[in-house]
Amino acid sequence: MSAGSGHRLYRPGDSPVHRLPPHCKLLALVGFVVATVSTPREAYWAFGGYAVLLASVAALARVPAGFLLRRMLVELPFVGFALLLPFVANGPSVEVLGLSVSRDGLLGAWNIMAKGTLGVVAGVLLAATTELRALLLGLQKLRMPPLLVQIMSFMLRYGGVITAEMGRMRIARESRGFVARDLRQAPTVAKSAGALFIRSYERGERVHLAMLSRGYTGTMPVVLDTRATAGQWAAAAALPGAALVLWAGALIL
């Protein structure tokens, strides 16, 4: 199984976080996110503690803040939705910067932004320190159905191929004078989409036949050793363990 490792989220390195087995990091991510999302929204100090934990992981992995910030832009739609909540939610009102906003909406916005941001940062750190191939092998190690792992592997491998095919088709259309200005060009775009689907399907058939001719029997060979030692498990458990302590403190206090 090999789904190239040079994806845009990955940052090559040789830090202790990079060297952890992928399935350990996946479980650590799940544990951290579960602790974060189940923390009461009024426990502001706990969210500050979660942020410190992630900052510590980023420093240990030598991932710059700018790298994280650029890849956090994916959450902007959720931020926009959260910013609207104080103005559309019902309930008692409070004054904020001279504006009357819903208190429940304000807390809801904080809840979405805090937990969403922490989850996005944790996911970006995982992707920045783990190759795609290793992530897929980690999922396989965690007993995810092999068929799903193979589907994801082929999606990652051939996504770029299909994108390049779309680019060539676009250049071919434009070289013939086609410019999509309004809905009148929709039939042409729809025909291009249909042609792309047929080409992708035919390519998939050829790839499958090539795999069968090379002895494919339904499983992919494992070419990377992902076994974890007790020390690596302990290192990976440090993040969710600390998050669990903060979560327990938030519930008690």
C-alpha atoms as a PDB file:
ATOM      1  CA  MET A   1       0.000   0.000   0.000  1.00  0.00           C
ATOM      2  CA  SER A   2       1.526   3.281  -1.021  1.00  0.00           C
ATOM      3  CA  ALA A   3      -0.351   6.480  -1.301  1.00  0.00           C
ATOM      4  CA  GLY A   4       2.282   9.125  -1.824  1.00  0.00           C
ATOM      5  CA  SER A   5       3.581  10.974   1.158  1.00  0.00           C
ATOM      6  CA  GLY A   6       4.084  14.447  -0.286  1.00  0.00           C
ATOM      7  CA  HIS A   7       0.705  15.903   0.555  1.00  0.00           C
ATOM      8  CA  ARG A   8       0.445  19.587   1.364  1.00  0.00           C
ATOM      9  CA  LEU A   9      -0.392  19.090   5.035  1.00  0.00           C
ATOM     10  CA  TYR A  10       2.646  16.946   5.764  1.00  0.00           C
ATOM     11  CA  ARG A  11       5.803  18.635   7.064  1.00  0.00           C
ATOM     12  CA  PRO A  12       8.833  16.311   6.872  1.00  0.00           C
ATOM     13  CA  GLY A  13      10.817  16.031  10.059  1.00  0.00           C
ATOM     14  CA  ASP A  14      12.500  13.708  12.521  1.00  0.00           C
ATOM     15  CA  SER A  15      10.926  14.839  15.780  1.00  0.00           C
ATOM     16  CA  PRO A  16       9.679  12.494  18.525  1.00  0.00           C
ATOM     17  CA  VAL A  17       6.129  13.146  17.303  1.00  0.00           C
ATOM     18  CA  HIS A  18       7.040  12.207  13.725  1.00  0.00           C
ATOM     19  CA  ARG A  19       8.555   8.933  14.918  1.00  0.00           C
ATOM     20  CA  LEU A  20       5.482   7.758  16.839  1.00  0.00           C
ATOM     21  CA  PRO A  21       3.560   4.936  15.123  1.00  0.00           C
ATOM     22  CA  PRO A  22       0.504   6.245  13.251  1.00  0.00           C
ATOM     23  CA  HIS A  23      -2.082   4.173  15.116  1.00  0.00           C
ATOM     24  CA  CYS A  24      -0.795   5.551  18.426  1.00  0.00           C
ATOM     25  CA  LYS A  25      -1.232   9.098  17.152  1.00  0.00           C
ATOM     26  CA  LEU A  26      -4.688   8.351  15.789  1.00  0.00           C
ATOM     27  CA  LEU A  27      -5.890   7.038  19.140  1.00  0.00           C
ATOM     28  CA  ALA A  28      -4.275  10.011  20.902  1.00  0.00           C
ATOM     29  CA  LEU A  29      -6.140  12.382  18.587  1.00  0.00           C
ATOM     30  CA  VAL A  30      -9.465  10.657  19.219  1.00  0.00           C
ATOM     31  CA  GLY A  31      -8.919  10.720  22.986  1.00  0.00           C
ATOM     32  CA  PHE A  32      -7.983  14.402  22.958  1.00  0.00           C
ATOM     33  CA  VAL A  33     -10.976  15.394  20.812  1.00  0.00           C
ATOM     34  CA  VAL A  34     -13.420  13.388  22.945  1.00  0.00           C
ATOM     35  CA  ALA A  35     -12.129  15.094  26.108  1.00  0.00           C
ATOM     36  CA  THR A  36     -12.329  18.509  24.447  1.00  0.00           C
ATOM     37  CA  VAL A  37     -15.852  18.273  23.067  1.00  0.00           C
ATOM     38  CA  SER A  38     -17.237  16.842  26.331  1.00  0.00           C
ATOM     39  CA  THR A  39     -15.822  19.696  28.423  1.00  0.00           C
ATOM     40  CA  PRO A  40     -18.478  22.138  29.720  1.00  0.00           C
ATOM     41  CA  ARG A  41     -18.384  25.339  27.716  1.00  0.00           C
ATOM     42  CA  GLU A  42     -18.166  27.459  30.873  1.00  0.00           C
ATOM     43  CA  ALA A  43     -14.822  25.872  31.866  1.00  0.00           C
ATOM     44  CA  TYR A  44     -12.766  28.537  30.105  1.00  0.00           C
ATOM     45  CA  TRP A  45      -9.548  27.650  31.908  1.00  0.00           C
ATOM     46  CA  ALA A  46      -9.758  24.067  30.638  1.00  0.00           C
ATOM     47  CA  PHE A  47      -9.778  25.213  27.019  1.00  0.00           C
ATOM     48  CA  GLY A  48      -6.729  27.327  27.759  1.00  0.00           C
ATOM     49  CA  GLY A  49      -5.079  24.181  29.104  1.00  0.00           C
ATOM     50  CA  TYR A  50      -5.961  22.273  25.921  1.00  0.00           C
ATOM     51  CA  ALA A  51      -4.403  25.050  23.846  1.00  0.00           C
ATOM     52  CA  VAL A  52      -1.212  24.837  25.918  1.00  0.00           C
ATOM     53  CA  LEU A  53      -1.081  21.070  25.354  1.00  0.00           C
ATOM     54  CA  LEU A  54      -1.375  21.501  21.589  1.00  0.00           C
ATOM     55  CA  ALA A  55       1.228  24.259  21.597  1.00  0.00           C
ATOM     56  CA  SER A  56       3.568  21.903  23.447  1.00  0.00           C
ATOM     57  CA  VAL A  57       3.012  19.168  20.855  1.00  0.00           C
ATOM     58  CA  ALA A  58       3.624  21.655  18.024  1.00  0.00           C
ATOM     59  CA  ALA A  59       6.854  22.802  19.660  1.00  0.00           C
ATOM     60  CA  LEU A  60       7.981  19.204  20.183  1.00  0.00           C
ATOM     61  CA  ALA A  61       7.180  18.393  16.543  1.00  0.00           C
ATOM     62  CA  ARG A  62       8.859  21.621  15.386  1.00  0.00           C
ATOM     63  CA  VAL A  63       5.787  22.731  13.447  1.00  0.00           C
ATOM     64  CA  PRO A  64       5.797  26.548  13.045  1.00  0.00           C
ATOM     65  CA  ALA A  65       2.781  28.611  14.077  1.00  0.00           C
ATOM     66  CA  GLY A  66       2.495  30.055  10.565  1.00  0.00           C
ATOM     67  CA  PHE A  67       2.171  26.563   9.107  1.00  0.00           C
ATOM     68  CA  LEU A  68      -0.703  25.815  11.479  1.00  0.00           C
ATOM     69  CA  LEU A  69      -2.463  29.141  10.935  1.00  0.00           C
ATOM     70  CA  ARG A  70      -2.494  28.797   7.144  1.00  0.00           C
ATOM     71  CA  ARG A  71      -4.048  25.356   7.359  1.00  0.00           C
ATOM     72  CA  MET A  72      -6.622  26.410   9.914  1.00  0.00           C
ATOM     73  CA  LEU A  73      -8.409  28.492   7.262  1.00  0.00           C
ATOM     74  CA  VAL A  74     -10.573  25.432   6.584  1.00  0.00           C
ATOM     75  CA  GLU A  75     -12.656  26.302   9.654  1.00  0.00           C
ATOM     76  CA  LEU A  76     -13.604  29.807   8.461  1.00  0.00           C
ATOM     77  CA  PRO A  77     -17.168  28.771   7.442  1.00  0.00           C
ATOM     78  CA  PHE A  78     -17.783  27.464  10.964  1.00  0.00           C
ATOM     79  CA  VAL A  79     -16.382  30.653  12.440  1.00  0.00           C
ATOM     80  CA  GLY A  80     -18.763  32.684  10.304  1.00  0.00           C
ATOM     81  CA  PHE A  81     -21.706  30.600  11.492  1.00  0.00           C
ATOM     82  CA  ALA A  82     -20.596  30.944  15.105  1.00  0.00           C
ATOM     83  CA  LEU A  83     -20.351  34.734  14.815  1.00  0.00           C
ATOM     84  CA  LEU A  84     -24.006  34.876  13.759  1.00  0.00           C
ATOM     85  CA  LEU A  85     -25.288  32.921  16.753  1.00  0.00           C
ATOM     86  CA  PRO A  86     -25.281  35.793  19.280  1.00  0.00           C
ATOM     87  CA  PHE A  87     -27.535  37.798  16.958  1.00  0.00           C
ATOM     88  CA  VAL A  88     -30.060  35.106  16.005  1.00  0.00           C
ATOM     89  CA  ALA A  89     -30.353  33.000  19.184  1.00  0.00           C
ATOM     90  CA  ASN A  90     -33.114  33.505  21.727  1.00  0.00           C
ATOM     91  CA  GLY A  91     -32.802  34.008  25.462  1.00  0.00           C
ATOM     92  CA  PRO A  92     -31.597  36.731  27.849  1.00  0.00           C
ATOM     93  CA  SER A  93     -29.548  39.521  26.298  1.00  0.00           C
ATOM     94  CA  VAL A  94     -26.246  41.046  27.368  1.00  0.00           C
ATOM     95  CA  GLU A  95     -24.355  44.137  26.220  1.00  0.00           C
ATOM     96  CA  VAL A  96     -21.125  43.498  24.278  1.00  0.00           C
ATOM     97  CA  LEU A  97     -19.312  46.478  22.759  1.00  0.00           C
ATOM     98  CA  GLY A  98     -22.527  48.442  22.773  1.00  0.00           C
ATOM     99  CA  LEU A  99     -24.498  45.695  21.045  1.00  0.00           C
ATOM    100  CA  SER A 100     -27.316  43.687  22.580  1.00  0.00           C
ATOM    101  CA  VAL A 101     -26.704  39.989  21.906  1.00  0.00           C
ATOM    102  CA  SER A 102     -28.121  36.729  23.187  1.00  0.00           C
ATOM    103  CA  ARG A 103     -26.222  35.299  26.145  1.00  0.00           C
ATOM    104  CA  ASP A 104     -26.965  31.723  25.084  1.00  0.00           C
ATOM    105  CA  GLY A 105     -25.926  32.556  21.534  1.00  0.00           C
ATOM    106  CA  LEU A 106     -22.700  34.083  22.798  1.00  0.00           C
ATOM    107  CA  LEU A 107     -21.881  30.967  24.803  1.00  0.00           C
ATOM    108  CA  GLY A 108     -22.829  28.786  21.847  1.00  0.00           C
ATOM    109  CA  ALA A 109     -20.511  30.758  19.573  1.00  0.00           C
ATOM    110  CA  TRP A 110     -17.669  30.407  22.071  1.00  0.00           C
ATOM    111  CA  ASN A 111     -18.372  26.682  22.381  1.00  0.00           C
ATOM    112  CA  ILE A 112     -18.217  26.123  18.614  1.00  0.00           C
ATOM    113  CA  MET A 113     -15.157  28.264  18.036  1.00  0.00           C
ATOM    114  CA  ALA A 114     -13.135  26.933  20.976  1.00  0.00           C
ATOM    115  CA  LYS A 115     -13.827  23.248  20.426  1.00  0.00           C
ATOM    116  CA  GLY A 116     -13.715  23.503  16.638  1.00  0.00           C
ATOM    117  CA  THR A 117     -10.395  25.343  16.657  1.00  0.00           C
ATOM    118  CA  LEU A 118      -8.799  22.884  19.062  1.00  0.00           C
ATOM    119  CA  GLY A 119     -10.012  19.949  16.986  1.00  0.00           C
ATOM    120  CA  VAL A 120      -8.738  21.481  13.743  1.00  0.00           C
ATOM    121  CA  VAL A 121      -5.325  22.228  15.257  1.00  0.00           C
ATOM    122  CA  ALA A 122      -5.065  18.670  16.588  1.00  0.00           C
ATOM    123  CA  GLY A 123      -5.966  17.260  13.171  1.00  0.00           C
ATOM    124  CA  VAL A 124      -3.490  19.529  11.388  1.00  0.00           C
ATOM    125  CA  LEU A 125      -0.744  18.445  13.778  1.00  0.00           C
ATOM    126  CA  LEU A 126      -1.527  14.797  13.060  1.00  0.00           C
ATOM    127  CA  ALA A 127      -1.397  15.388   9.296  1.00  0.00           C
ATOM    128  CA  ALA A 128       1.749  17.516   9.594  1.00  0.00           C
ATOM    129  CA  THR A 129       3.650  14.756  11.381  1.00  0.00           C
ATOM    130  CA  THR A 130       2.322  11.630   9.638  1.00  0.00           C
ATOM    131  CA  GLU A 131       2.610  10.545   6.016  1.00  0.00           C
ATOM    132  CA  LEU A 132      -0.596   9.571   4.245  1.00  0.00           C
ATOM    133  CA  ARG A 133       0.651   6.047   3.669  1.00  0.00           C
ATOM    134  CA  ALA A 134       1.418   5.710   7.374  1.00  0.00           C
ATOM    135  CA  LEU A 135      -2.037   7.041   8.309  1.00  0.00           C
ATOM    136  CA  LEU A 136      -3.686   4.401   6.142  1.00  0.00           C
ATOM    137  CA  LEU A 137      -1.543   1.681   7.683  1.00  0.00           C
ATOM    138  CA  GLY A 138      -2.453   3.032  11.109  1.00  0.00           C
ATOM    139  CA  LEU A 139      -6.137   2.728  10.282  1.00  0.00           C
ATOM    140  CA  GLN A 140      -5.531  -0.824   9.101  1.00  0.00           C
ATOM    141  CA  LYS A 141      -3.675  -1.555  12.345  1.00  0.00           C
ATOM    142  CA  LEU A 142      -6.728  -0.325  14.261  1.00  0.00           C
ATOM    143  CA  ARG A 143      -8.827  -2.951  12.470  1.00  0.00           C
ATOM    144  CA  MET A 144     -10.660  -0.658  10.087  1.00  0.00           C
ATOM    145  CA  PRO A 145     -12.213  -2.824   7.327  1.00  0.00           C
ATOM    146  CA  PRO A 146      -9.477  -3.487   4.733  1.00  0.00           C
ATOM    147  CA  LEU A 147     -11.800  -2.591   1.855  1.00  0.00           C
ATOM    148  CA  LEU A 148     -12.344   0.915   3.232  1.00  0.00           C
ATOM    149  CA  VAL A 149      -8.601   1.367   3.710  1.00  0.00           C
ATOM    150  CA  GLN A 150      -7.962   0.313   0.106  1.00  0.00           C
ATOM    151  CA  ILE A 151     -10.648   2.663  -1.203  1.00  0.00           C
ATOM    152  CA  MET A 152      -9.039   5.568   0.663  1.00  0.00           C
ATOM    153  CA  SER A 153      -5.622   4.523  -0.595  1.00  0.00           C
ATOM    154  CA  PHE A 154      -6.726   4.547  -4.229  1.00  0.00           C
ATOM    155  CA  MET A 155      -8.616   7.808  -3.724  1.00  0.00           C
ATOM    156  CA  LEU A 156      -5.449   9.485  -2.474  1.00  0.00           C
ATOM    157  CA  ARG A 157      -3.264   7.941  -5.149  1.00  0.00           C
ATOM    158  CA  TYR A 158      -5.493   8.676  -8.142  1.00  0.00           C
ATOM    159  CA  GLY A 159      -7.103  11.921  -6.968  1.00  0.00           C
ATOM    160  CA  GLY A 160      -4.226  13.849  -8.497  1.00  0.00           C
ATOM    161  CA  VAL A 161      -4.511  11.844 -11.721  1.00  0.00           C
ATOM    162  CA  ILE A 162      -8.195  12.710 -12.096  1.00  0.00           C
ATOM    163  CA  THR A 163      -7.507  16.363 -11.276  1.00  0.00           C
ATOM    164  CA  ALA A 164      -4.839  16.476 -13.988  1.00  0.00           C
ATOM    165  CA  GLU A 165      -7.311  14.909 -16.417  1.00  0.00           C
ATOM    166  CA  MET A 166      -9.822  17.642 -15.586  1.00  0.00           C
ATOM    167  CA  GLY A 167      -7.161  20.252 -16.299  1.00  0.00           C
ATOM    168  CA  ARG A 168      -6.387  18.761 -19.716  1.00  0.00           C
ATOM    169  CA  MET A 169     -10.075  18.691 -20.605  1.00  0.00           C
ATOM    170  CA  ARG A 170     -10.447  22.327 -19.563  1.00  0.00           C
ATOM    171  CA  ILE A 171      -7.491  23.344 -21.724  1.00  0.00           C
ATOM    172  CA  ALA A 172      -8.982  21.389 -24.656  1.00  0.00           C
ATOM    173  CA  ARG A 173     -12.308  23.223 -24.284  1.00  0.00           C
ATOM    174  CA  GLU A 174     -10.688  26.632 -24.020  1.00  0.00           C
ATOM    175  CA  SER A 175      -8.444  25.955 -27.025  1.00  0.00           C
ATOM    176  CA  ARG A 176     -11.645  25.527 -29.030  1.00  0.00           C
ATOM    177  CA  GLY A 177     -12.982  28.893 -27.883  1.00  0.00           C
ATOM    178  CA  PHE A 178     -15.203  27.705 -25.028  1.00  0.00           C
ATOM    179  CA  VAL A 179     -15.693  30.121 -22.136  1.00  0.00           C
ATOM    180  CA  ALA A 180     -18.217  29.368 -19.344  1.00  0.00           C
ATOM    181  CA  ARG A 181     -19.954  32.716 -18.858  1.00  0.00           C
ATOM    182  CA  ASP A 182     -23.503  31.736 -17.885  1.00  0.00           C
ATOM    183  CA  LEU A 183     -25.939  28.823 -17.673  1.00  0.00           C
ATOM    184  CA  ARG A 184     -26.066  28.431 -21.459  1.00  0.00           C
ATOM    185  CA  GLN A 185     -22.705  26.688 -21.250  1.00  0.00           C
ATOM    186  CA  ALA A 186     -23.992  24.215 -18.631  1.00  0.00           C
ATOM    187  CA  PRO A 187     -24.663  21.396 -21.178  1.00  0.00           C
ATOM    188  CA  THR A 188     -21.058  21.479 -22.331  1.00  0.00           C
ATOM    189  CA  VAL A 189     -19.767  21.344 -18.751  1.00  0.00           C
ATOM    190  CA  ALA A 190     -22.168  18.463 -18.016  1.00  0.00           C
ATOM    191  CA  LYS A 191     -20.894  16.523 -21.043  1.00  0.00           C
ATOM    192  CA  SER A 192     -17.325  17.085 -19.859  1.00  0.00           C
ATOM    193  CA  ALA A 193     -18.240  15.749 -16.424  1.00  0.00           C
ATOM    194  CA  GLY A 194     -19.789  12.665 -18.030  1.00  0.00           C
ATOM    195  CA  ALA A 195     -16.707  12.093 -20.166  1.00  0.00           C
ATOM    196  CA  LEU A 196     -14.488  12.452 -17.093  1.00  0.00           C
ATOM    197  CA  PHE A 197     -16.565   9.863 -15.247  1.00  0.00           C
ATOM    198  CA  ILE A 198     -16.272   7.391 -18.130  1.00  0.00           C
ATOM    199  CA  ARG A 199     -12.526   7.919 -18.404  1.00  0.00           C
ATOM    200  CA  SER A 200     -12.120   7.462 -14.652  1.00  0.00           C
ATOM    201  CA  TYR A 201     -14.195   4.281 -14.711  1.00  0.00           C
ATOM    202  CA  GLU A 202     -12.175   2.861 -17.602  1.00  0.00           C
ATOM    203  CA  ARG A 203      -8.926   3.744 -15.837  1.00  0.00           C
ATOM    204  CA  GLY A 204     -10.175   1.970 -12.718  1.00  0.00           C
ATOM    205  CA  GLU A 205     -10.930  -1.155 -14.763  1.00  0.00           C
ATOM    206  CA  ARG A 206      -7.441  -1.119 -16.257  1.00  0.00           C
ATOM    207  CA  VAL A 207      -5.831  -0.654 -12.844  1.00  0.00           C
ATOM    208  CA  HIS A 208      -7.881  -3.537 -11.420  1.00  0.00           C
ATOM    209  CA  LEU A 209      -6.890  -5.864 -14.262  1.00  0.00           C
ATOM    210  CA  ALA A 210      -3.245  -4.881 -13.810  1.00  0.00           C
ATOM    211  CA  MET A 211      -3.479  -5.665 -10.093  1.00  0.00           C
ATOM    212  CA  LEU A 212      -5.075  -9.057 -10.774  1.00  0.00           C
ATOM    213  CA  SER A 213      -2.335  -9.917 -13.256  1.00  0.00           C
ATOM    214  CA  ARG A 214       0.206  -9.238 -10.496  1.00  0.00           C
ATOM    215  CA  GLY A 215      -1.447 -11.566  -8.004  1.00  0.00           C
ATOM    216  CA  TYR A 216      -3.867  -9.266  -6.177  1.00  0.00           C
ATOM    217  CA  THR A 217      -6.211 -11.335  -3.966  1.00  0.00           C
ATOM    218  CA  GLY A 218      -8.148  -8.640  -2.117  1.00  0.00           C
ATOM    219  CA  THR A 219      -5.490  -7.423   0.310  1.00  0.00           C
ATOM    220  CA  MET A 220      -2.555  -5.088  -0.134  1.00  0.00           C
ATOM    221  CA  PRO A 221       0.946  -6.013   1.064  1.00  0.00           C
ATOM    222  CA  VAL A 222       2.171  -4.185   4.160  1.00  0.00           C
ATOM    223  CA  VAL A 223       5.482  -2.507   3.358  1.00  0.00           C
ATOM    224  CA  LEU A 224       5.918  -0.459   6.533  1.00  0.00           C
ATOM    225  CA  ASP A 225       6.439  -1.747  10.061  1.00  0.00           C
ATOM    226  CA  THR A 226       4.004   0.078  12.374  1.00  0.00           C
ATOM    227  CA  ARG A 227       4.480  -1.916  15.574  1.00  0.00           C
ATOM    228  CA  ALA A 228       4.570   0.216  18.728  1.00  0.00           C
ATOM    229  CA  THR A 229       6.624  -0.292  21.865  1.00  0.00           C
ATOM    230  CA  ALA A 230       5.352   0.311  25.383  1.00  0.00           C
ATOM    231  CA  GLY A 231       7.350   3.544  25.512  1.00  0.00           C
ATOM    232  CA  GLN A 232       5.730   4.819  22.314  1.00  0.00           C
ATOM    233  CA  TRP A 233       2.269   4.000  23.646  1.00  0.00           C
ATOM    234  CA  ALA A 234       3.099   5.888  26.832  1.00  0.00           C
ATOM    235  CA  ALA A 235       4.369   8.890  24.877  1.00  0.00           C
ATOM    236  CA  ALA A 236       1.248   8.958  22.708  1.00  0.00           C
ATOM    237  CA  ALA A 237      -0.983   8.664  25.782  1.00  0.00           C
ATOM    238  CA  ALA A 238       0.543  11.794  27.329  1.00  0.00           C
ATOM    239  CA  LEU A 239      -1.676  14.176  25.326  1.00  0.00           C
ATOM    240  CA  PRO A 240      -5.063  12.480  25.886  1.00  0.00           C
ATOM    241  CA  GLY A 241      -4.051  11.678  29.469  1.00  0.00           C
ATOM    242  CA  ALA A 242      -3.376  15.338  30.257  1.00  0.00           C
ATOM    243  CA  ALA A 243      -6.589  16.303  28.454  1.00  0.00           C
ATOM    244  CA  LEU A 244      -8.496  13.781  30.563  1.00  0.00           C
ATOM    245  CA  VAL A 245      -7.129  15.396  33.727  1.00  0.00           C
ATOM    246  CA  LEU A 246      -8.306  18.812  32.541  1.00  0.00           C
ATOM    247  CA  TRP A 247     -11.706  17.355  31.610  1.00  0.00           C
ATOM    248  CA  ALA A 248     -12.111  15.785  35.050  1.00  0.00           C
ATOM    249  CA  GLY A 249     -11.115  19.054  36.696  1.00  0.00           C
ATOM    250  CA  ALA A 250     -13.658  20.945  34.605  1.00  0.00           C
ATOM    251  CA  LEU A 251     -16.432  18.588  35.713  1.00  0.00           C
ATOM    252  CA  ILE A 252     -15.460  18.788  39.382  1.00  0.00           C
ATOM    253  CA  LEU A 253     -15.000  22.541  39.522  1.00  0.00           C
END
